[in-house]
Amino acid sequence: MQIANQFEVAQPTEAVWDFFGNVPQVAACLPGAELSTDLGDDRYGGTVSIGLGPIKLDFDGSAEITDRDPDARTISVSASGTDRKGRGQATLALDASLAPTAGGTAVDVAMDLQLSGPAAQYGRGLVGDITAVLLEDFAANVQNRLAAIAEGRDPDEVEQVQAAGGLAIGVRAAGMGLARVVRRLALPYRPEAV
């Protein structure tokens, strides 16, 4: 499933690029993610936990930076994981690019997410909405950590957005889905041309 999103951080592009080069800092911004092992050669091991109501998915996996272009300010990551209870797998190919804006830096993210097992049954809409919620939280965490670095504070002491889980993520994702339905209903009816 293809998912694209964009967010902006109020920091210069050079500072954001340097931040994205520090994989442990970036991983600390991902709600529910924990980087546990540096495997060398831009490869890392870790876990991702996402809860949605009674469903909790805990993936053990690895991620690898497959391409990094400092001139174009682009980075590509390949990741995969297996649910700890053997209920499914996830693979992700992610491309991110940075571009300066009047207020800071735009971060464009394009993902190809493939799920198997229980998570796959939720469908494109819900998975896309949950991913959008996670990216919003990721963007807030990136902004908070970059602001701390710019102010000379320890970014590890910055308050993080809550990890993805439970009712909160479900309500936010459901709100996005409801907004999508309302937008469709608001479109004027256009009968087919005869």
N, C-alpha and C. Protein backbone atom coordinates (compact mmCIF):
# COMPACT_ATOMS: atom_id res chain seq x y z
N MET A 1 0.84 -1.16 0.00
CA MET A 1 0.00 0.00 0.00
C MET A 1 0.89 1.23 0.00
N GLN A 2 0.61 2.15 -0.91
CA GLN A 2 1.39 3.38 -1.05
C GLN A 2 0.79 4.46 -0.15
N ILE A 3 1.62 5.09 0.65
CA ILE A 3 1.18 6.16 1.55
C ILE A 3 2.15 7.31 1.39
N ALA A 4 1.63 8.51 1.21
CA ALA A 4 2.48 9.70 1.10
C ALA A 4 1.99 10.74 2.10
N ASN A 5 2.93 11.49 2.64
CA ASN A 5 2.58 12.53 3.59
C ASN A 5 3.68 13.58 3.59
N GLN A 6 3.36 14.73 4.13
CA GLN A 6 4.33 15.81 4.25
C GLN A 6 4.12 16.52 5.56
N PHE A 7 5.21 16.93 6.19
CA PHE A 7 5.11 17.78 7.37
C PHE A 7 6.23 18.80 7.30
N GLU A 8 6.08 19.84 8.10
CA GLU A 8 7.08 20.91 8.10
C GLU A 8 7.60 21.11 9.52
N VAL A 9 8.90 21.33 9.62
CA VAL A 9 9.51 21.66 10.90
C VAL A 9 10.13 23.03 10.79
N ALA A 10 10.04 23.79 11.89
CA ALA A 10 10.50 25.18 11.89
C ALA A 10 11.99 25.25 12.22
N GLN A 11 12.79 24.57 11.41
CA GLN A 11 14.24 24.58 11.57
C GLN A 11 14.87 24.63 10.18
N PRO A 12 16.10 25.15 10.08
CA PRO A 12 16.77 25.20 8.78
C PRO A 12 17.03 23.80 8.22
N THR A 13 17.04 23.70 6.91
CA THR A 13 17.20 22.40 6.24
C THR A 13 18.49 21.71 6.66
N GLU A 14 19.59 22.45 6.80
CA GLU A 14 20.86 21.83 7.19
C GLU A 14 20.75 21.17 8.56
N ALA A 15 20.09 21.82 9.51
CA ALA A 15 19.92 21.24 10.85
C ALA A 15 19.04 20.00 10.80
N VAL A 16 18.00 20.03 9.98
CA VAL A 16 17.11 18.87 9.86
C VAL A 16 17.85 17.71 9.20
N TRP A 17 18.64 17.99 8.18
CA TRP A 17 19.41 16.94 7.51
C TRP A 17 20.40 16.30 8.49
N ASP A 18 21.10 17.12 9.28
CA ASP A 18 22.03 16.58 10.27
C ASP A 18 21.29 15.70 11.27
N PHE A 19 20.12 16.13 11.68
CA PHE A 19 19.32 15.37 12.62
C PHE A 19 18.95 14.01 12.03
N PHE A 20 18.51 13.99 10.76
CA PHE A 20 18.12 12.74 10.12
C PHE A 20 19.31 11.80 9.91
N GLY A 21 20.52 12.33 9.98
CA GLY A 21 21.71 11.48 9.90
C GLY A 21 22.01 10.75 11.20
N ASN A 22 21.35 11.14 12.29
CA ASN A 22 21.53 10.51 13.59
C ASN A 22 20.37 9.54 13.81
N VAL A 23 20.54 8.30 13.37
CA VAL A 23 19.44 7.32 13.39
C VAL A 23 18.86 7.10 14.78
N PRO A 24 19.67 7.01 15.86
CA PRO A 24 19.05 6.87 17.18
C PRO A 24 18.14 8.04 17.55
N GLN A 25 18.50 9.27 17.15
CA GLN A 25 17.63 10.42 17.42
C GLN A 25 16.32 10.29 16.65
N VAL A 26 16.41 9.90 15.38
CA VAL A 26 15.20 9.75 14.56
C VAL A 26 14.32 8.65 15.12
N ALA A 27 14.92 7.51 15.48
CA ALA A 27 14.15 6.39 16.03
C ALA A 27 13.43 6.79 17.31
N ALA A 28 14.06 7.64 18.10
CA ALA A 28 13.43 8.10 19.35
C ALA A 28 12.17 8.92 19.09
N CYS A 29 12.01 9.43 17.87
CA CYS A 29 10.84 10.23 17.51
C CYS A 29 9.66 9.39 17.02
N LEU A 30 9.92 8.13 16.70
CA LEU A 30 8.87 7.27 16.16
C LEU A 30 8.06 6.69 17.31
N PRO A 31 6.78 7.07 17.44
CA PRO A 31 5.96 6.55 18.53
C PRO A 31 5.88 5.03 18.47
N GLY A 32 6.17 4.40 19.61
CA GLY A 32 6.09 2.95 19.69
C GLY A 32 7.34 2.22 19.22
N ALA A 33 8.34 2.96 18.70
CA ALA A 33 9.55 2.32 18.19
C ALA A 33 10.67 2.41 19.21
N GLU A 34 11.49 1.38 19.23
CA GLU A 34 12.66 1.38 20.10
C GLU A 34 13.83 0.77 19.35
N LEU A 35 14.87 1.54 19.19
CA LEU A 35 16.09 1.06 18.54
C LEU A 35 16.93 0.37 19.59
N SER A 36 17.26 -0.90 19.36
CA SER A 36 17.98 -1.65 20.38
C SER A 36 19.40 -2.02 19.97
N THR A 37 19.67 -2.12 18.67
CA THR A 37 20.98 -2.62 18.23
C THR A 37 21.46 -1.87 17.00
N ASP A 38 22.71 -1.41 17.05
CA ASP A 38 23.37 -0.88 15.87
C ASP A 38 24.12 -2.05 15.24
N LEU A 39 23.65 -2.50 14.09
CA LEU A 39 24.23 -3.68 13.43
C LEU A 39 25.39 -3.31 12.50
N GLY A 40 25.70 -2.01 12.40
CA GLY A 40 26.77 -1.55 11.54
C GLY A 40 26.30 -1.36 10.11
N ASP A 41 27.07 -0.61 9.33
CA ASP A 41 26.77 -0.37 7.91
C ASP A 41 25.35 0.17 7.69
N ASP A 42 24.92 1.13 8.53
CA ASP A 42 23.59 1.74 8.41
C ASP A 42 22.45 0.74 8.58
N ARG A 43 22.66 -0.32 9.38
CA ARG A 43 21.61 -1.29 9.69
C ARG A 43 21.36 -1.28 11.20
N TYR A 44 20.08 -1.41 11.57
CA TYR A 44 19.70 -1.31 12.97
C TYR A 44 18.62 -2.34 13.29
N GLY A 45 18.64 -2.84 14.52
CA GLY A 45 17.61 -3.75 14.99
C GLY A 45 16.78 -3.07 16.05
N GLY A 46 15.51 -3.47 16.16
CA GLY A 46 14.67 -2.87 17.17
C GLY A 46 13.27 -3.44 17.17
N THR A 47 12.38 -2.74 17.85
CA THR A 47 11.00 -3.17 17.98
C THR A 47 10.05 -2.02 17.66
N VAL A 48 8.84 -2.38 17.26
CA VAL A 48 7.76 -1.41 17.06
C VAL A 48 6.51 -2.01 17.69
N SER A 49 5.85 -1.24 18.55
CA SER A 49 4.62 -1.68 19.20
C SER A 49 3.51 -0.69 18.89
N ILE A 50 2.41 -1.20 18.38
CA ILE A 50 1.25 -0.36 18.06
C ILE A 50 0.02 -1.04 18.63
N GLY A 51 -0.74 -0.31 19.41
CA GLY A 51 -1.98 -0.86 19.97
C GLY A 51 -3.17 -0.10 19.42
N LEU A 52 -4.21 -0.84 19.10
CA LEU A 52 -5.46 -0.24 18.62
C LEU A 52 -6.60 -1.01 19.27
N GLY A 53 -7.14 -0.43 20.34
CA GLY A 53 -8.18 -1.12 21.08
C GLY A 53 -7.62 -2.42 21.63
N PRO A 54 -8.32 -3.54 21.42
CA PRO A 54 -7.86 -4.82 21.97
C PRO A 54 -6.70 -5.43 21.17
N ILE A 55 -6.39 -4.89 20.02
CA ILE A 55 -5.31 -5.43 19.18
C ILE A 55 -4.01 -4.72 19.52
N LYS A 56 -2.98 -5.51 19.81
CA LYS A 56 -1.66 -4.93 20.01
C LYS A 56 -0.69 -5.72 19.14
N LEU A 57 0.03 -4.99 18.32
CA LEU A 57 1.02 -5.61 17.43
C LEU A 57 2.40 -5.22 17.92
N ASP A 58 3.22 -6.23 18.15
CA ASP A 58 4.60 -6.03 18.58
C ASP A 58 5.51 -6.68 17.56
N PHE A 59 6.26 -5.86 16.84
CA PHE A 59 7.14 -6.37 15.79
C PHE A 59 8.60 -6.28 16.23
N ASP A 60 9.34 -7.36 16.01
CA ASP A 60 10.79 -7.35 16.12
C ASP A 60 11.31 -7.29 14.69
N GLY A 61 12.26 -6.42 14.44
CA GLY A 61 12.73 -6.33 13.06
C GLY A 61 14.01 -5.55 12.92
N SER A 62 14.25 -5.18 11.69
CA SER A 62 15.46 -4.43 11.38
C SER A 62 15.16 -3.40 10.29
N ALA A 63 16.01 -2.41 10.24
CA ALA A 63 15.90 -1.36 9.23
C ALA A 63 17.29 -1.06 8.70
N GLU A 64 17.32 -0.67 7.44
CA GLU A 64 18.60 -0.36 6.79
C GLU A 64 18.44 0.88 5.94
N ILE A 65 19.38 1.80 6.06
CA ILE A 65 19.40 2.95 5.17
C ILE A 65 20.02 2.47 3.87
N THR A 66 19.23 2.46 2.81
CA THR A 66 19.69 1.90 1.54
C THR A 66 20.27 2.96 0.61
N ASP A 67 19.92 4.22 0.85
CA ASP A 67 20.47 5.30 0.01
C ASP A 67 20.40 6.59 0.81
N ARG A 68 21.45 7.39 0.68
CA ARG A 68 21.51 8.69 1.36
C ARG A 68 22.22 9.65 0.42
N ASP A 69 21.52 10.72 0.01
CA ASP A 69 22.11 11.69 -0.92
C ASP A 69 22.13 13.06 -0.25
N PRO A 70 23.28 13.47 0.29
CA PRO A 70 23.35 14.75 0.99
C PRO A 70 23.11 15.96 0.10
N ASP A 71 23.45 15.85 -1.20
CA ASP A 71 23.23 16.99 -2.10
C ASP A 71 21.75 17.20 -2.39
N ALA A 72 21.03 16.11 -2.64
CA ALA A 72 19.59 16.20 -2.93
C ALA A 72 18.76 16.21 -1.65
N ARG A 73 19.40 15.93 -0.51
CA ARG A 73 18.71 15.84 0.78
C ARG A 73 17.62 14.76 0.75
N THR A 74 17.99 13.56 0.29
CA THR A 74 17.05 12.44 0.26
C THR A 74 17.65 11.25 1.00
N ILE A 75 16.77 10.43 1.55
CA ILE A 75 17.20 9.23 2.25
C ILE A 75 16.17 8.14 2.00
N SER A 76 16.63 6.91 1.83
CA SER A 76 15.75 5.76 1.61
C SER A 76 16.04 4.72 2.68
N VAL A 77 14.97 4.13 3.20
CA VAL A 77 15.07 3.14 4.26
C VAL A 77 14.24 1.92 3.89
N SER A 78 14.79 0.75 4.14
CA SER A 78 14.07 -0.51 3.98
C SER A 78 13.96 -1.15 5.35
N ALA A 79 12.75 -1.58 5.74
CA ALA A 79 12.56 -2.17 7.06
C ALA A 79 11.62 -3.37 6.96
N SER A 80 11.80 -4.30 7.87
CA SER A 80 10.88 -5.44 7.94
C SER A 80 10.83 -5.93 9.37
N GLY A 81 9.70 -6.54 9.72
CA GLY A 81 9.54 -7.05 11.07
C GLY A 81 8.54 -8.18 11.10
N THR A 82 8.64 -8.97 12.15
CA THR A 82 7.74 -10.09 12.37
C THR A 82 7.08 -9.92 13.72
N ASP A 83 5.76 -10.13 13.75
CA ASP A 83 5.03 -10.03 15.00
C ASP A 83 5.57 -11.06 15.99
N ARG A 84 5.76 -10.66 17.24
CA ARG A 84 6.35 -11.55 18.24
C ARG A 84 5.51 -12.81 18.48
N LYS A 85 4.21 -12.72 18.24
CA LYS A 85 3.33 -13.88 18.45
C LYS A 85 3.14 -14.67 17.16
N GLY A 86 3.91 -14.32 16.11
CA GLY A 86 3.84 -15.06 14.86
C GLY A 86 2.57 -14.84 14.08
N ARG A 87 1.90 -13.70 14.30
CA ARG A 87 0.63 -13.43 13.64
C ARG A 87 0.75 -12.62 12.36
N GLY A 88 1.94 -12.33 11.94
CA GLY A 88 2.07 -11.58 10.70
C GLY A 88 3.42 -10.92 10.55
N GLN A 89 3.55 -10.24 9.41
CA GLN A 89 4.79 -9.55 9.09
C GLN A 89 4.47 -8.19 8.48
N ALA A 90 5.46 -7.32 8.53
CA ALA A 90 5.35 -6.01 7.89
C ALA A 90 6.66 -5.71 7.18
N THR A 91 6.56 -5.13 6.00
CA THR A 91 7.74 -4.63 5.29
C THR A 91 7.44 -3.20 4.88
N LEU A 92 8.48 -2.39 4.86
CA LEU A 92 8.32 -0.98 4.56
C LEU A 92 9.50 -0.51 3.72
N ALA A 93 9.19 0.18 2.63
CA ALA A 93 10.20 0.90 1.86
C ALA A 93 9.83 2.37 1.99
N LEU A 94 10.73 3.17 2.49
CA LEU A 94 10.44 4.58 2.78
C LEU A 94 11.45 5.46 2.07
N ASP A 95 10.95 6.51 1.42
CA ASP A 95 11.78 7.53 0.81
C ASP A 95 11.40 8.87 1.43
N ALA A 96 12.37 9.61 1.90
CA ALA A 96 12.11 10.93 2.48
C ALA A 96 13.01 11.95 1.80
N SER A 97 12.45 13.14 1.61
CA SER A 97 13.24 14.23 1.03
C SER A 97 12.96 15.51 1.80
N LEU A 98 13.98 16.36 1.88
CA LEU A 98 13.89 17.63 2.59
C LEU A 98 13.99 18.77 1.60
N ALA A 99 13.22 19.82 1.85
CA ALA A 99 13.28 21.01 1.01
C ALA A 99 13.06 22.25 1.88
N PRO A 100 13.84 23.30 1.64
CA PRO A 100 13.64 24.51 2.43
C PRO A 100 12.30 25.17 2.11
N THR A 101 11.71 25.77 3.13
CA THR A 101 10.48 26.56 2.98
C THR A 101 10.71 27.90 3.66
N ALA A 102 9.75 28.79 3.51
CA ALA A 102 9.86 30.10 4.16
C ALA A 102 9.93 29.97 5.67
N GLY A 103 9.24 28.95 6.23
CA GLY A 103 9.20 28.80 7.68
C GLY A 103 10.13 27.75 8.25
N GLY A 104 10.90 27.06 7.40
CA GLY A 104 11.79 26.02 7.90
C GLY A 104 12.10 24.99 6.85
N THR A 105 11.64 23.75 7.07
CA THR A 105 11.96 22.65 6.17
C THR A 105 10.74 21.76 5.99
N ALA A 106 10.41 21.47 4.73
CA ALA A 106 9.36 20.51 4.42
C ALA A 106 9.99 19.13 4.31
N VAL A 107 9.34 18.15 4.93
CA VAL A 107 9.79 16.77 4.86
C VAL A 107 8.70 15.99 4.13
N ASP A 108 9.03 15.48 2.94
CA ASP A 108 8.11 14.65 2.17
C ASP A 108 8.46 13.20 2.42
N VAL A 109 7.43 12.40 2.73
CA VAL A 109 7.62 10.99 3.02
C VAL A 109 6.73 10.18 2.09
N ALA A 110 7.32 9.20 1.41
CA ALA A 110 6.56 8.27 0.58
C ALA A 110 6.90 6.87 1.06
N MET A 111 5.86 6.08 1.35
CA MET A 111 6.05 4.74 1.90
C MET A 111 5.31 3.71 1.08
N ASP A 112 5.91 2.55 0.98
CA ASP A 112 5.23 1.37 0.46
C ASP A 112 5.19 0.39 1.62
N LEU A 113 4.02 0.24 2.23
CA LEU A 113 3.84 -0.60 3.41
C LEU A 113 3.08 -1.86 3.02
N GLN A 114 3.64 -3.00 3.34
CA GLN A 114 3.00 -4.29 3.08
C GLN A 114 2.79 -5.00 4.41
N LEU A 115 1.55 -5.41 4.68
CA LEU A 115 1.21 -6.09 5.92
C LEU A 115 0.62 -7.46 5.63
N SER A 116 0.90 -8.39 6.52
CA SER A 116 0.23 -9.69 6.47
C SER A 116 -0.22 -10.01 7.89
N GLY A 117 -1.20 -10.88 8.01
CA GLY A 117 -1.72 -11.23 9.32
C GLY A 117 -2.81 -10.29 9.77
N PRO A 118 -3.06 -10.17 11.10
CA PRO A 118 -4.18 -9.38 11.61
C PRO A 118 -4.20 -7.92 11.15
N ALA A 119 -3.05 -7.28 11.06
CA ALA A 119 -3.03 -5.88 10.66
C ALA A 119 -3.53 -5.68 9.24
N ALA A 120 -3.34 -6.67 8.38
CA ALA A 120 -3.74 -6.54 6.98
C ALA A 120 -5.26 -6.51 6.82
N GLN A 121 -6.00 -7.05 7.77
CA GLN A 121 -7.45 -7.12 7.63
C GLN A 121 -8.14 -5.78 7.83
N TYR A 122 -7.44 -4.78 8.34
CA TYR A 122 -8.08 -3.49 8.60
C TYR A 122 -8.29 -2.65 7.37
N GLY A 123 -7.63 -2.96 6.29
CA GLY A 123 -7.87 -2.25 5.05
C GLY A 123 -7.05 -0.98 4.91
N ARG A 124 -6.99 -0.52 3.68
CA ARG A 124 -6.17 0.63 3.31
C ARG A 124 -6.55 1.90 4.05
N GLY A 125 -7.85 2.17 4.17
CA GLY A 125 -8.28 3.43 4.79
C GLY A 125 -7.81 3.56 6.23
N LEU A 126 -8.09 2.54 7.04
CA LEU A 126 -7.72 2.60 8.45
C LEU A 126 -6.21 2.59 8.62
N VAL A 127 -5.50 1.72 7.90
CA VAL A 127 -4.05 1.68 8.02
C VAL A 127 -3.44 3.02 7.58
N GLY A 128 -3.98 3.61 6.51
CA GLY A 128 -3.50 4.93 6.07
C GLY A 128 -3.74 5.99 7.12
N ASP A 129 -4.93 5.95 7.77
CA ASP A 129 -5.23 6.93 8.81
C ASP A 129 -4.34 6.75 10.03
N ILE A 130 -4.09 5.50 10.43
CA ILE A 130 -3.20 5.25 11.57
C ILE A 130 -1.79 5.72 11.23
N THR A 131 -1.35 5.47 10.01
CA THR A 131 -0.03 5.92 9.59
C THR A 131 0.06 7.45 9.63
N ALA A 132 -1.01 8.13 9.20
CA ALA A 132 -1.03 9.60 9.25
C ALA A 132 -0.93 10.09 10.69
N VAL A 133 -1.62 9.42 11.62
CA VAL A 133 -1.54 9.79 13.04
C VAL A 133 -0.11 9.62 13.53
N LEU A 134 0.51 8.49 13.18
CA LEU A 134 1.88 8.24 13.61
C LEU A 134 2.85 9.27 13.04
N LEU A 135 2.64 9.67 11.77
CA LEU A 135 3.50 10.69 11.16
C LEU A 135 3.31 12.05 11.82
N GLU A 136 2.08 12.38 12.22
CA GLU A 136 1.85 13.64 12.95
C GLU A 136 2.64 13.63 14.26
N ASP A 137 2.56 12.52 14.99
CA ASP A 137 3.29 12.42 16.26
C ASP A 137 4.80 12.45 16.02
N PHE A 138 5.26 11.76 14.97
CA PHE A 138 6.68 11.77 14.62
C PHE A 138 7.14 13.20 14.34
N ALA A 139 6.36 13.94 13.55
CA ALA A 139 6.72 15.33 13.21
C ALA A 139 6.79 16.18 14.47
N ALA A 140 5.86 16.02 15.39
CA ALA A 140 5.88 16.80 16.64
C ALA A 140 7.13 16.47 17.45
N ASN A 141 7.49 15.18 17.51
CA ASN A 141 8.68 14.79 18.25
C ASN A 141 9.95 15.31 17.59
N VAL A 142 10.02 15.28 16.27
CA VAL A 142 11.18 15.82 15.55
C VAL A 142 11.31 17.31 15.86
N GLN A 143 10.21 18.05 15.76
CA GLN A 143 10.24 19.49 16.03
C GLN A 143 10.72 19.77 17.45
N ASN A 144 10.20 19.02 18.43
CA ASN A 144 10.58 19.24 19.82
C ASN A 144 12.06 18.95 20.05
N ARG A 145 12.56 17.87 19.45
CA ARG A 145 13.97 17.52 19.63
C ARG A 145 14.88 18.53 18.92
N LEU A 146 14.50 18.95 17.71
CA LEU A 146 15.31 19.95 16.99
C LEU A 146 15.34 21.28 17.75
N ALA A 147 14.20 21.67 18.31
CA ALA A 147 14.16 22.91 19.10
C ALA A 147 15.08 22.80 20.31
N ALA A 148 15.08 21.65 20.97
CA ALA A 148 15.96 21.45 22.13
C ALA A 148 17.42 21.55 21.72
N ILE A 149 17.77 20.92 20.60
CA ILE A 149 19.15 20.97 20.11
C ILE A 149 19.55 22.41 19.80
N ALA A 150 18.67 23.16 19.14
CA ALA A 150 18.95 24.56 18.78
C ALA A 150 19.14 25.42 20.03
N GLU A 151 18.46 25.06 21.12
CA GLU A 151 18.56 25.82 22.37
C GLU A 151 19.67 25.30 23.28
N GLY A 152 20.42 24.29 22.82
CA GLY A 152 21.51 23.75 23.62
C GLY A 152 21.05 22.82 24.73
N ARG A 153 19.80 22.35 24.68
CA ARG A 153 19.29 21.41 25.69
C ARG A 153 19.49 19.98 25.22
N ASP A 154 19.41 19.05 26.14
CA ASP A 154 19.54 17.63 25.83
C ASP A 154 18.24 17.15 25.18
N PRO A 155 18.29 16.69 23.91
CA PRO A 155 17.05 16.26 23.25
C PRO A 155 16.42 15.03 23.89
N ASP A 156 17.20 14.24 24.62
CA ASP A 156 16.64 13.06 25.28
C ASP A 156 15.80 13.43 26.50
N GLU A 157 15.87 14.69 26.92
CA GLU A 157 15.09 15.15 28.07
C GLU A 157 13.79 15.82 27.65
N VAL A 158 13.56 15.91 26.34
CA VAL A 158 12.36 16.55 25.81
C VAL A 158 11.17 15.62 25.95
N GLU A 159 10.04 16.18 26.34
CA GLU A 159 8.83 15.37 26.46
C GLU A 159 8.41 14.87 25.08
N GLN A 160 8.12 13.58 25.01
CA GLN A 160 7.72 12.94 23.76
C GLN A 160 6.19 12.88 23.66
N VAL A 161 5.71 12.83 22.44
CA VAL A 161 4.30 12.55 22.21
C VAL A 161 4.07 11.11 22.64
N GLN A 162 2.93 10.83 23.25
CA GLN A 162 2.63 9.48 23.73
C GLN A 162 2.82 8.43 22.64
N ALA A 163 3.28 7.26 23.03
CA ALA A 163 3.43 6.16 22.08
C ALA A 163 2.08 5.77 21.51
N ALA A 164 2.11 5.30 20.28
CA ALA A 164 0.89 4.93 19.59
C ALA A 164 0.18 3.82 20.34
N GLY A 165 -1.07 4.04 20.64
CA GLY A 165 -1.77 2.95 21.29
C GLY A 165 -3.15 3.29 21.76
N GLY A 166 -3.88 2.23 22.03
CA GLY A 166 -5.16 2.30 22.69
C GLY A 166 -6.19 3.15 22.00
N LEU A 167 -7.03 3.71 22.83
CA LEU A 167 -8.18 4.46 22.37
C LEU A 167 -7.80 5.73 21.62
N ALA A 168 -6.74 6.40 22.07
CA ALA A 168 -6.38 7.69 21.46
C ALA A 168 -6.08 7.56 19.97
N ILE A 169 -5.26 6.59 19.60
CA ILE A 169 -4.93 6.43 18.18
C ILE A 169 -6.17 6.02 17.39
N GLY A 170 -7.00 5.16 17.98
CA GLY A 170 -8.23 4.74 17.30
C GLY A 170 -9.17 5.90 17.06
N VAL A 171 -9.33 6.76 18.06
CA VAL A 171 -10.22 7.92 17.92
C VAL A 171 -9.68 8.88 16.87
N ARG A 172 -8.39 9.15 16.90
CA ARG A 172 -7.81 10.06 15.91
C ARG A 172 -7.94 9.51 14.50
N ALA A 173 -7.66 8.20 14.32
CA ALA A 173 -7.78 7.59 13.00
C ALA A 173 -9.24 7.56 12.55
N ALA A 174 -10.16 7.26 13.46
CA ALA A 174 -11.59 7.25 13.11
C ALA A 174 -12.05 8.65 12.71
N GLY A 175 -11.52 9.67 13.39
CA GLY A 175 -11.86 11.05 13.02
C GLY A 175 -11.42 11.39 11.61
N MET A 176 -10.25 10.91 11.22
CA MET A 176 -9.77 11.13 9.85
C MET A 176 -10.68 10.42 8.85
N GLY A 177 -11.07 9.19 9.17
CA GLY A 177 -11.96 8.45 8.29
C GLY A 177 -13.31 9.13 8.15
N LEU A 178 -13.85 9.61 9.28
CA LEU A 178 -15.13 10.32 9.26
C LEU A 178 -15.03 11.60 8.43
N ALA A 179 -13.94 12.33 8.58
CA ALA A 179 -13.76 13.55 7.78
C ALA A 179 -13.73 13.23 6.29
N ARG A 180 -13.11 12.10 5.93
CA ARG A 180 -13.06 11.69 4.53
C ARG A 180 -14.47 11.40 4.00
N VAL A 181 -15.30 10.72 4.82
CA VAL A 181 -16.67 10.42 4.42
C VAL A 181 -17.48 11.70 4.26
N VAL A 182 -17.34 12.63 5.20
CA VAL A 182 -18.07 13.90 5.14
C VAL A 182 -17.69 14.68 3.89
N ARG A 183 -16.40 14.69 3.55
CA ARG A 183 -15.97 15.39 2.33
C ARG A 183 -16.61 14.78 1.10
N ARG A 184 -16.70 13.45 1.07
CA ARG A 184 -17.33 12.78 -0.08
C ARG A 184 -18.81 13.12 -0.16
N LEU A 185 -19.48 13.14 0.98
CA LEU A 185 -20.91 13.45 1.00
C LEU A 185 -21.19 14.89 0.60
N ALA A 186 -20.22 15.77 0.85
CA ALA A 186 -20.40 17.17 0.54
C ALA A 186 -20.25 17.46 -0.95
N LEU A 187 -19.70 16.53 -1.71
CA LEU A 187 -19.55 16.74 -3.14
C LEU A 187 -20.92 16.73 -3.81
N PRO A 188 -21.13 17.63 -4.76
CA PRO A 188 -22.44 17.65 -5.43
C PRO A 188 -22.66 16.38 -6.28
N TYR A 189 -23.89 15.97 -6.32
CA TYR A 189 -24.25 14.79 -7.11
C TYR A 189 -24.12 15.13 -8.59
N ARG A 190 -23.47 14.27 -9.35
CA ARG A 190 -23.27 14.49 -10.78
C ARG A 190 -23.69 13.24 -11.53
N PRO A 191 -24.89 13.22 -12.03
CA PRO A 191 -25.34 12.02 -12.76
C PRO A 191 -24.46 11.83 -14.01
N GLU A 192 -24.31 10.59 -14.37
CA GLU A 192 -23.53 10.25 -15.56
C GLU A 192 -24.15 10.89 -16.80
N ALA A 193 -23.30 11.34 -17.70
CA ALA A 193 -23.80 11.90 -18.96
C ALA A 193 -24.42 10.78 -19.79
N VAL A 194 -25.56 11.07 -20.40
CA VAL A 194 -26.26 10.07 -21.21
C VAL A 194 -25.74 10.06 -22.61
